[in-house]
């Protein structure tokens, strides 16, 4: 049901999931990682940041109660 991320509350749940993963990536990057692995982690973080924009939009729609759908 990931497609429904813009339904009421779905955006907030998606944003929480993305935030948790970004925190994990940050912790890994703070450790001793080689350049190749660090590049993979940064790439994933970049993709997640893009997804976060959509999740924020969905969360805001849910919070405002706009009928949108």
Protein backbone atom coordinates (compact mmCIF):
# COMPACT_ATOMS: atom_id res chain seq x y z
CA UNK A 1 0.00 0.00 0.00
CA UNK A 2 3.04 2.30 -0.48
CA UNK A 3 1.33 4.01 -3.41
CA UNK A 4 -1.16 5.56 -0.98
CA UNK A 5 1.52 7.67 0.67
CA UNK A 6 -0.46 10.81 -0.07
CA UNK A 7 -3.60 9.60 1.66
CA UNK A 8 -4.35 11.04 5.08
CA UNK A 9 -1.48 10.14 7.39
CA UNK A 10 0.34 8.06 4.77
CA UNK A 11 2.77 10.85 3.99
CA UNK A 12 3.71 11.15 7.65
CA UNK A 13 4.32 7.39 7.94
CA UNK A 14 6.46 7.42 4.79
CA UNK A 15 8.42 10.41 6.10
CA UNK A 16 9.08 8.61 9.38
CA UNK A 17 10.35 5.55 7.52
CA UNK A 18 12.61 7.70 5.33
CA UNK A 19 13.91 9.64 8.34
CA UNK A 20 14.75 6.42 10.19
CA UNK A 21 16.68 5.11 7.20
CA UNK A 22 18.52 8.42 6.77
CA UNK A 23 19.55 8.23 10.43
CA UNK A 24 20.90 4.72 9.83
CA UNK A 25 22.83 5.91 6.79
CA UNK A 26 24.28 8.85 8.73
CA UNK A 27 25.45 6.51 11.50
CA UNK A 28 27.10 4.25 8.94
CA UNK A 29 28.80 7.20 7.27
CA UNK A 30 30.18 8.33 10.64
CA UNK A 31 31.91 4.98 10.96
CA UNK A 32 34.92 3.67 9.09
CA UNK A 33 33.67 3.01 5.56
CA UNK A 34 35.61 2.78 2.33
CA UNK A 35 35.00 5.30 -0.45
CA UNK A 36 32.95 2.93 -2.62
CA UNK A 37 30.59 1.99 0.20
CA UNK A 38 30.33 5.63 1.29
CA UNK A 39 29.35 6.57 -2.28
CA UNK A 40 26.60 3.93 -2.23
CA UNK A 41 25.30 5.24 1.09
CA UNK A 42 25.31 8.83 -0.16
CA UNK A 43 23.51 7.76 -3.35
CA UNK A 44 20.81 6.05 -1.29
CA UNK A 45 20.51 9.10 0.98
CA UNK A 46 20.06 11.31 -2.07
CA UNK A 47 17.27 9.10 -3.40
CA UNK A 48 15.61 9.09 0.01
CA UNK A 49 15.82 12.88 0.22
CA UNK A 50 13.94 13.08 -3.06
CA UNK A 51 11.28 10.70 -1.76
CA UNK A 52 11.06 12.74 1.43
CA UNK A 53 9.86 15.75 -0.57
CA UNK A 54 6.87 13.74 -1.77
CA UNK A 55 6.25 12.37 1.72
CA UNK A 56 6.29 15.87 3.22
CA UNK A 57 3.77 16.98 0.62
CA UNK A 58 1.55 14.03 1.50
CA UNK A 59 1.89 14.68 5.23
CA UNK A 60 0.97 18.32 4.77
CA UNK A 61 -2.08 17.38 2.74
CA UNK A 62 -3.13 14.93 5.44
CA UNK A 63 -2.60 17.49 8.19
CA UNK A 64 -4.52 20.20 6.38
CA UNK A 65 -7.38 17.82 5.68
CA UNK A 66 -7.54 18.91 2.05
CA UNK A 67 -9.83 16.62 0.06
CA UNK A 68 -7.22 16.35 -2.79
CA UNK A 69 -8.23 12.79 -3.79
